[in-house]
C-alpha atoms as a PDB file:
ATOM      1  CA  MET A   1     132.622  87.094 110.479  1.00  0.00           C
ATOM      2  CA  ASP A   2     131.694  85.415 107.206  1.00  0.00           C
ATOM      3  CA  GLU A   3     133.410  87.529 104.522  1.00  0.00           C
ATOM      4  CA  MET A   4     130.241  87.723 102.448  1.00  0.00           C
ATOM      5  CA  ARG A   5     127.729  88.035 105.269  1.00  0.00           C
ATOM      6  CA  ALA A   6     128.269  91.264 107.198  1.00  0.00           C
ATOM      7  CA  SER A   7     124.743  91.970 108.430  1.00  0.00           C
ATOM      8  CA  ARG A   8     123.110  95.385 108.560  1.00  0.00           C
ATOM      9  CA  ALA A   9     123.401  95.370 112.342  1.00  0.00           C
ATOM     10  CA  GLN A  10     127.092  94.442 112.198  1.00  0.00           C
ATOM     11  CA  VAL A  11     127.841  97.371 109.913  1.00  0.00           C
ATOM     12  CA  VAL A  12     125.910  99.798 112.110  1.00  0.00           C
ATOM     13  CA  GLN A  13     127.370  98.440 115.346  1.00  0.00           C
ATOM     14  CA  SER A  14     130.899  98.649 113.944  1.00  0.00           C
ATOM     15  CA  ALA A  15     130.335 102.385 113.481  1.00  0.00           C
ATOM     16  CA  LEU A  16     128.633 102.841 116.856  1.00  0.00           C
ATOM     17  CA  ASP A  17     131.537 101.141 118.626  1.00  0.00           C
ATOM     18  CA  LEU A  18     133.830 103.984 117.538  1.00  0.00           C
ATOM     19  CA  PHE A  19     132.059 106.321 119.983  1.00  0.00           C
ATOM     20  CA  ALA A  20     132.094 106.271 123.792  1.00  0.00           C
ATOM     21  CA  GLN A  21     128.409 107.222 124.171  1.00  0.00           C
ATOM     22  CA  PRO A  22     126.925 107.014 120.684  1.00  0.00           C
ATOM     23  CA  ARG A  23     123.723 108.811 119.773  1.00  0.00           C
ATOM     24  CA  TYR A  24     121.994 106.801 117.062  1.00  0.00           C
ATOM     25  CA  LEU A  25     119.199 107.661 114.622  1.00  0.00           C
ATOM     26  CA  GLU A  26     117.605 105.084 112.333  1.00  0.00           C
ATOM     27  CA  ILE A  27     115.324 106.187 109.488  1.00  0.00           C
ATOM     28  CA  GLY A  28     113.153 103.298 108.283  1.00  0.00           C
ATOM     29  CA  VAL A  29     112.876 100.724 111.041  1.00  0.00           C
ATOM     30  CA  ALA A  30     110.106  98.329 109.908  1.00  0.00           C
ATOM     31  CA  LYS A  31     110.319  95.204 112.099  1.00  0.00           C
ATOM     32  CA  GLY A  32     113.117  96.680 114.196  1.00  0.00           C
ATOM     33  CA  ALA A  33     115.606  93.905 113.457  1.00  0.00           C
ATOM     34  CA  THR A  34     118.596  96.211 113.015  1.00  0.00           C
ATOM     35  CA  PHE A  35     117.446  98.834 115.507  1.00  0.00           C
ATOM     36  CA  HIS A  36     116.915  96.442 118.392  1.00  0.00           C
ATOM     37  CA  GLU A  37     120.039  94.397 117.691  1.00  0.00           C
ATOM     38  CA  THR A  38     122.355  97.391 117.947  1.00  0.00           C
ATOM     39  CA  ARG A  39     123.623  98.976 121.177  1.00  0.00           C
ATOM     40  CA  ALA A  40     123.946 102.714 121.736  1.00  0.00           C
ATOM     41  CA  PHE A  41     123.801 105.257 124.556  1.00  0.00           C
ATOM     42  CA  ARG A  42     120.722 106.867 123.013  1.00  0.00           C
ATOM     43  CA  LYS A  43     118.654 105.476 120.146  1.00  0.00           C
ATOM     44  CA  THR A  44     115.963 107.116 118.017  1.00  0.00           C
ATOM     45  CA  ALA A  45     113.695 105.160 115.668  1.00  0.00           C
ATOM     46  CA  VAL A  46     111.646 106.804 112.907  1.00  0.00           C
ATOM     47  CA  ASP A  47     109.072 104.978 110.783  1.00  0.00           C
ATOM     48  CA  PRO A  48     105.478 105.725 109.731  1.00  0.00           C
ATOM     49  CA  TYR A  49     104.513 102.052 110.131  1.00  0.00           C
ATOM     50  CA  PHE A  50     106.345 100.193 112.893  1.00  0.00           C
ATOM     51  CA  LYS A  51     105.854  96.441 112.470  1.00  0.00           C
ATOM     52  CA  PHE A  52     106.166  95.620 116.163  1.00  0.00           C
ATOM     53  CA  ASP A  53     104.516  96.595 119.441  1.00  0.00           C
ATOM     54  CA  VAL A  54     106.029  99.985 120.246  1.00  0.00           C
ATOM     55  CA  GLY A  55     104.760  99.870 123.833  1.00  0.00           C
ATOM     56  CA  ASP A  56     106.597  96.618 124.493  1.00  0.00           C
ATOM     57  CA  ALA A  57     109.681  97.982 122.750  1.00  0.00           C
ATOM     58  CA  ARG A  58     109.726 101.084 124.948  1.00  0.00           C
ATOM     59  CA  SER A  59     109.599  98.890 128.043  1.00  0.00           C
ATOM     60  CA  SER A  60     112.415  96.650 126.813  1.00  0.00           C
ATOM     61  CA  HIS A  61     114.593  99.477 125.488  1.00  0.00           C
ATOM     62  CA  PRO A  62     114.471 102.454 127.881  1.00  0.00           C
ATOM     63  CA  GLU A  63     117.335 104.131 125.993  1.00  0.00           C
ATOM     64  CA  ALA A  64     115.227 104.290 122.826  1.00  0.00           C
ATOM     65  CA  ARG A  65     112.666 106.752 121.471  1.00  0.00           C
ATOM     66  CA  TYR A  66     110.113 105.851 118.820  1.00  0.00           C
ATOM     67  CA  PHE A  67     108.610 108.340 116.364  1.00  0.00           C
ATOM     68  CA  ASN A  68     105.664 106.967 114.400  1.00  0.00           C
ATOM     69  CA  LEU A  69     106.142 109.500 111.592  1.00  0.00           C
ATOM     70  CA  PRO A  70     107.392 109.806 108.016  1.00  0.00           C
ATOM     71  CA  SER A  71     111.005 110.953 108.008  1.00  0.00           C
ATOM     72  CA  ASP A  72     110.111 114.372 106.543  1.00  0.00           C
ATOM     73  CA  ALA A  73     107.756 115.033 109.462  1.00  0.00           C
ATOM     74  CA  PHE A  74     110.367 113.893 111.968  1.00  0.00           C
ATOM     75  CA  PHE A  75     113.024 116.227 110.625  1.00  0.00           C
ATOM     76  CA  ALA A  76     110.500 119.077 110.495  1.00  0.00           C
ATOM     77  CA  GLN A  77     110.035 118.833 114.261  1.00  0.00           C
ATOM     78  CA  CYS A  78     113.526 117.708 115.299  1.00  0.00           C
ATOM     79  CA  PRO A  79     115.224 120.499 117.314  1.00  0.00           C
ATOM     80  CA  ILE A  80     118.056 122.162 115.413  1.00  0.00           C
ATOM     81  CA  GLY A  81     120.483 121.460 118.245  1.00  0.00           C
ATOM     82  CA  GLU A  82     119.803 117.728 118.393  1.00  0.00           C
ATOM     83  CA  LYS A  83     122.838 115.859 117.090  1.00  0.00           C
ATOM     84  CA  PHE A  84     123.617 112.238 116.310  1.00  0.00           C
ATOM     85  CA  ASP A  85     126.911 110.383 115.952  1.00  0.00           C
ATOM     86  CA  VAL A  86     125.598 107.654 113.652  1.00  0.00           C
ATOM     87  CA  ILE A  87     122.610 107.971 111.315  1.00  0.00           C
ATOM     88  CA  TYR A  88     121.350 104.948 109.399  1.00  0.00           C
ATOM     89  CA  ILE A  89     119.052 105.626 106.430  1.00  0.00           C
ATOM     90  CA  ASP A  90     116.887 102.725 105.273  1.00  0.00           C
ATOM     91  CA  GLY A  91     113.607 104.415 104.389  1.00  0.00           C
ATOM     92  CA  LEU A  92     111.641 104.532 101.154  1.00  0.00           C
ATOM     93  CA  HIS A  93     113.865 103.064  98.430  1.00  0.00           C
ATOM     94  CA  THR A  94     113.713 105.917  95.937  1.00  0.00           C
ATOM     95  CA  PHE A  95     116.535 108.248  94.949  1.00  0.00           C
ATOM     96  CA  GLU A  96     114.535 111.387  95.752  1.00  0.00           C
ATOM     97  CA  GLN A  97     113.384 110.363  99.230  1.00  0.00           C
ATOM     98  CA  THR A  98     116.747 108.946 100.239  1.00  0.00           C
ATOM     99  CA  LEU A  99     118.451 112.122  99.013  1.00  0.00           C
ATOM    100  CA  ARG A 100     115.993 114.181 101.069  1.00  0.00           C
ATOM    101  CA  ASP A 101     116.693 112.020 104.130  1.00  0.00           C
ATOM    102  CA  LEU A 102     120.425 112.467 103.586  1.00  0.00           C
ATOM    103  CA  MET A 103     120.236 116.256 103.243  1.00  0.00           C
ATOM    104  CA  ASN A 104     118.057 116.494 106.354  1.00  0.00           C
ATOM    105  CA  ALA A 105     120.418 114.192 108.249  1.00  0.00           C
ATOM    106  CA  LEU A 106     123.397 116.439 107.498  1.00  0.00           C
ATOM    107  CA  SER A 107     121.822 119.144 109.678  1.00  0.00           C
ATOM    108  CA  HIS A 108     121.745 116.846 112.702  1.00  0.00           C
ATOM    109  CA  LEU A 109     125.218 115.349 112.689  1.00  0.00           C
ATOM    110  CA  ALA A 110     127.788 115.796 115.415  1.00  0.00           C
ATOM    111  CA  ASP A 111     131.198 117.106 114.354  1.00  0.00           C
ATOM    112  CA  ARG A 112     132.612 113.581 114.352  1.00  0.00           C
ATOM    113  CA  SER A 113     129.944 111.411 112.787  1.00  0.00           C
ATOM    114  CA  VAL A 114     128.981 108.667 110.354  1.00  0.00           C
ATOM    115  CA  ILE A 115     126.103 108.137 107.927  1.00  0.00           C
ATOM    116  CA  ILE A 116     125.170 104.680 106.667  1.00  0.00           C
ATOM    117  CA  ILE A 117     122.806 104.258 103.712  1.00  0.00           C
ATOM    118  CA  ASP A 118     121.231 100.902 102.915  1.00  0.00           C
ATOM    119  CA  ASP A 119     120.440  99.183  99.608  1.00  0.00           C
ATOM    120  CA  ILE A 120     122.836 101.072  97.338  1.00  0.00           C
ATOM    121  CA  PHE A 121     123.637  98.315  94.833  1.00  0.00           C
ATOM    122  CA  PRO A 122     120.687  96.256  93.510  1.00  0.00           C
ATOM    123  CA  ASN A 123     121.504  92.653  92.657  1.00  0.00           C
ATOM    124  CA  SER A 124     119.206  92.588  89.629  1.00  0.00           C
ATOM    125  CA  LEU A 125     117.235  94.781  87.241  1.00  0.00           C
ATOM    126  CA  ALA A 126     114.091  93.708  89.068  1.00  0.00           C
ATOM    127  CA  ALA A 127     115.451  94.893  92.433  1.00  0.00           C
ATOM    128  CA  ALA A 128     116.322  98.271  90.865  1.00  0.00           C
ATOM    129  CA  GLN A 129     112.716  99.121  89.908  1.00  0.00           C
ATOM    130  CA  ARG A 130     111.628 102.480  91.354  1.00  0.00           C
ATOM    131  CA  ALA A 131     108.190 101.245  92.392  1.00  0.00           C
ATOM    132  CA  ARG A 132     107.750  98.228  94.621  1.00  0.00           C
ATOM    133  CA  ALA A 133     104.747  97.085  92.566  1.00  0.00           C
ATOM    134  CA  ASP A 134     106.913  97.076  89.434  1.00  0.00           C
ATOM    135  CA  PHE A 135     109.571  95.088  91.278  1.00  0.00           C
ATOM    136  CA  VAL A 136     107.018  92.452  92.264  1.00  0.00           C
ATOM    137  CA  ALA A 137     105.656  92.230  88.709  1.00  0.00           C
ATOM    138  CA  VAL A 138     109.117  91.843  87.142  1.00  0.00           C
ATOM    139  CA  ARG A 139     110.275  89.390  89.800  1.00  0.00           C
ATOM    140  CA  GLU A 140     107.232  87.176  89.351  1.00  0.00           C
ATOM    141  CA  HIS A 141     107.491  87.306  85.550  1.00  0.00           C
ATOM    142  CA  LEU A 142     111.139  86.235  85.648  1.00  0.00           C
ATOM    143  CA  GLY A 143     110.546  83.668  88.373  1.00  0.00           C
ATOM    144  CA  LEU A 144     113.124  85.220  90.712  1.00  0.00           C
ATOM    145  CA  GLU A 145     113.214  83.985  94.304  1.00  0.00           C
ATOM    146  CA  ASN A 146     115.022  86.978  95.822  1.00  0.00           C
ATOM    147  CA  LYS A 147     112.444  89.300  97.394  1.00  0.00           C
ATOM    148  CA  ALA A 148     114.841  92.160  98.186  1.00  0.00           C
ATOM    149  CA  TRP A 149     113.644  95.440  96.634  1.00  0.00           C
ATOM    150  CA  MET A 150     116.296  98.185  96.595  1.00  0.00           C
ATOM    151  CA  GLY A 151     114.768 100.719  94.209  1.00  0.00           C
ATOM    152  CA  ASP A 152     116.950 103.362  92.572  1.00  0.00           C
ATOM    153  CA  VAL A 153     118.937 104.366  95.667  1.00  0.00           C
ATOM    154  CA  TYR A 154     122.058 103.489  93.653  1.00  0.00           C
ATOM    155  CA  LYS A 155     121.711 106.934  92.026  1.00  0.00           C
ATOM    156  CA  LEU A 156     122.486 108.530  95.377  1.00  0.00           C
ATOM    157  CA  VAL A 157     126.005 107.085  95.311  1.00  0.00           C
ATOM    158  CA  LEU A 158     126.636 108.862  92.009  1.00  0.00           C
ATOM    159  CA  PHE A 159     125.266 112.088  93.513  1.00  0.00           C
ATOM    160  CA  ILE A 160     127.477 111.842  96.597  1.00  0.00           C
ATOM    161  CA  ASP A 161     130.475 111.024  94.438  1.00  0.00           C
ATOM    162  CA  SER A 162     130.023 114.144  92.292  1.00  0.00           C
ATOM    163  CA  PHE A 163     128.469 116.712  94.615  1.00  0.00           C
ATOM    164  CA  LEU A 164     129.548 116.010  98.214  1.00  0.00           C
ATOM    165  CA  GLN A 165     133.296 116.366  97.833  1.00  0.00           C
ATOM    166  CA  SER A 166     133.788 117.155 101.531  1.00  0.00           C
ATOM    167  CA  TRP A 167     132.621 113.630 102.363  1.00  0.00           C
ATOM    168  CA  THR A 168     134.551 110.410 101.897  1.00  0.00           C
ATOM    169  CA  PHE A 169     132.550 107.233 101.362  1.00  0.00           C
ATOM    170  CA  ARG A 170     132.938 103.526 100.866  1.00  0.00           C
ATOM    171  CA  CYS A 171     130.441 100.808  99.993  1.00  0.00           C
ATOM    172  CA  VAL A 172     130.568  97.531 101.880  1.00  0.00           C
ATOM    173  CA  SER A 173     131.705  94.715  99.606  1.00  0.00           C
ATOM    174  CA  ASP A 174     130.999  91.874 102.024  1.00  0.00           C
ATOM    175  CA  ASN A 175     127.223  92.230 102.255  1.00  0.00           C
ATOM    176  CA  HIS A 176     124.227  93.209 100.091  1.00  0.00           C
ATOM    177  CA  GLY A 177     125.494  96.778  99.634  1.00  0.00           C
ATOM    178  CA  GLN A 178     125.619  99.601 102.188  1.00  0.00           C
ATOM    179  CA  LEU A 179     127.322 102.980 101.915  1.00  0.00           C
ATOM    180  CA  VAL A 180     129.342 104.379 104.819  1.00  0.00           C
ATOM    181  CA  MET A 181     130.279 108.076 104.659  1.00  0.00           C
ATOM    182  CA  TRP A 182     132.152 110.486 106.908  1.00  0.00           C
ATOM    183  CA  GLN A 183     133.537 114.018 106.766  1.00  0.00           C
ATOM    184  CA  ALA A 184     136.903 114.000 105.005  1.00  0.00           C
ATOM    185  CA  PRO A 185     137.503 115.833 101.727  1.00  0.00           C
ATOM    186  CA  ARG A 186     138.327 113.977  98.524  1.00  0.00           C
ATOM    187  CA  GLU A 187     140.883 115.498  96.166  1.00  0.00           C
ATOM    188  CA  THR A 188     138.812 114.935  93.031  1.00  0.00           C
ATOM    189  CA  VAL A 189     135.243 114.124  92.000  1.00  0.00           C
ATOM    190  CA  ASP A 190     133.738 112.580  88.888  1.00  0.00           C
ATOM    191  CA  GLU A 191     131.914 115.141  86.740  1.00  0.00           C
ATOM    192  CA  ARG A 192     128.198 114.451  86.263  1.00  0.00           C
ATOM    193  CA  PHE A 193     125.028 116.442  85.614  1.00  0.00           C
ATOM    194  CA  VAL A 194     122.296 116.166  88.250  1.00  0.00           C
ATOM    195  CA  SER A 195     119.781 115.577  85.462  1.00  0.00           C
ATOM    196  CA  ASP A 196     121.807 112.622  84.176  1.00  0.00           C
ATOM    197  CA  ILE A 197     121.970 111.089  87.648  1.00  0.00           C
ATOM    198  CA  GLY A 198     118.203 111.329  87.996  1.00  0.00           C
ATOM    199  CA  LEU A 199     117.743 109.464  84.716  1.00  0.00           C
ATOM    200  CA  ALA A 200     120.499 106.890  85.310  1.00  0.00           C
ATOM    201  CA  GLY A 201     119.339 103.331  84.690  1.00  0.00           C
ATOM    202  CA  TYR A 202     120.507 100.273  86.583  1.00  0.00           C
ATOM    203  CA  GLU A 203     123.166  99.706  83.936  1.00  0.00           C
ATOM    204  CA  ARG A 204     125.005 102.817  85.192  1.00  0.00           C
ATOM    205  CA  ALA A 205     125.550 101.129  88.551  1.00  0.00           C
ATOM    206  CA  ILE A 206     127.140  98.202  86.739  1.00  0.00           C
ATOM    207  CA  ILE A 207     129.211 100.289  84.332  1.00  0.00           C
ATOM    208  CA  GLU A 208     130.327 102.757  87.018  1.00  0.00           C
ATOM    209  CA  ARG A 209     130.906 100.171  89.731  1.00  0.00           C
ATOM    210  CA  ALA A 210     134.367 101.619  90.463  1.00  0.00           C
ATOM    211  CA  SER A 211     132.677 104.862  91.566  1.00  0.00           C
ATOM    212  CA  PHE A 212     131.002 102.962  94.399  1.00  0.00           C
ATOM    213  CA  ARG A 213     134.410 102.534  96.075  1.00  0.00           C
ATOM    214  CA  PHE A 214     133.708  99.038  97.396  1.00  0.00           C
ATOM    215  CA  ALA A 215     135.844  97.734 100.261  1.00  0.00           C
ATOM    216  CA  PRO A 216     135.512  95.071 102.995  1.00  0.00           C
ATOM    217  CA  LEU A 217     133.835  96.243 106.198  1.00  0.00           C
ATOM    218  CA  GLU A 218     136.987  95.713 108.255  1.00  0.00           C
ATOM    219  CA  ALA A 219     138.993  97.994 105.952  1.00  0.00           C
ATOM    220  CA  ILE A 220     136.240 100.621 105.963  1.00  0.00           C
ATOM    221  CA  ILE A 221     136.113 100.719 109.759  1.00  0.00           C
ATOM    222  CA  GLY A 222     139.898 101.055 109.893  1.00  0.00           C
ATOM    223  CA  GLU A 223     139.793 104.001 107.502  1.00  0.00           C
ATOM    224  CA  LEU A 224     136.878 105.515 109.392  1.00  0.00           C
ATOM    225  CA  ARG A 225     138.647 105.162 112.750  1.00  0.00           C
ATOM    226  CA  GLU A 226     141.657 107.071 111.433  1.00  0.00           C
ATOM    227  CA  ALA A 227     139.477 109.803 109.938  1.00  0.00           C
ATOM    228  CA  LEU A 228     137.507 110.321 113.158  1.00  0.00           C
ATOM    229  CA  ALA A 229     140.703 110.440 115.211  1.00  0.00           C
ATOM    230  CA  ALA A 230     142.031 113.185 112.942  1.00  0.00           C
ATOM    231  CA  ARG A 231     138.983 115.414 113.517  1.00  0.00           C
ATOM    232  CA  PRO A 232     138.792 117.692 116.577  1.00  0.00           C
ATOM    233  CA  VAL A 233     136.379 116.602 119.284  1.00  0.00           C
END
């Protein structure tokens, strides 16, 4: 694997491979590139606007279910007892919606499980704009070629760091920036106010980079494997 090119699908599959019969949920599927490249015992796709033929996809992927719904609507109807081993969140790139997806996802996790969150470290001020229209305007004004919009999801890392102490997390250093989190308590947390996190500008991600706990994917999977093995089945 190219050290700087761990793809989204590689990160997700590395987590799925830790389970014998993984149950996988993906929030925000779009063209289905990551969803259809990964292998799992049971797969669930959620997106209000699939950018592929869902009928053809159902025929080609009998292990998969497709919900043409916003994530809030999906979680509202998802049975309480339905559990997933790996949940990948790549929906609307705002702090509030991604936080809502995360909190809803916590209710549907198996005892030994993993959450992956995409787009947690924007590569520019333009990419960190909350609104996609603002991102496009800034990108065009500055003449930037990179079309990757990540929004202000970076704030969620600061929230997890301060308020979800029972979860350990790492951010992938050898790709565009994905967070991997699993149940394992951390001894300490960084003190922050929720209000300050909500107002945090892109510069906070740069200044507080150490709080993102970056590590190579291989090291993260090794740490994750040990943590899952230590939890009762």
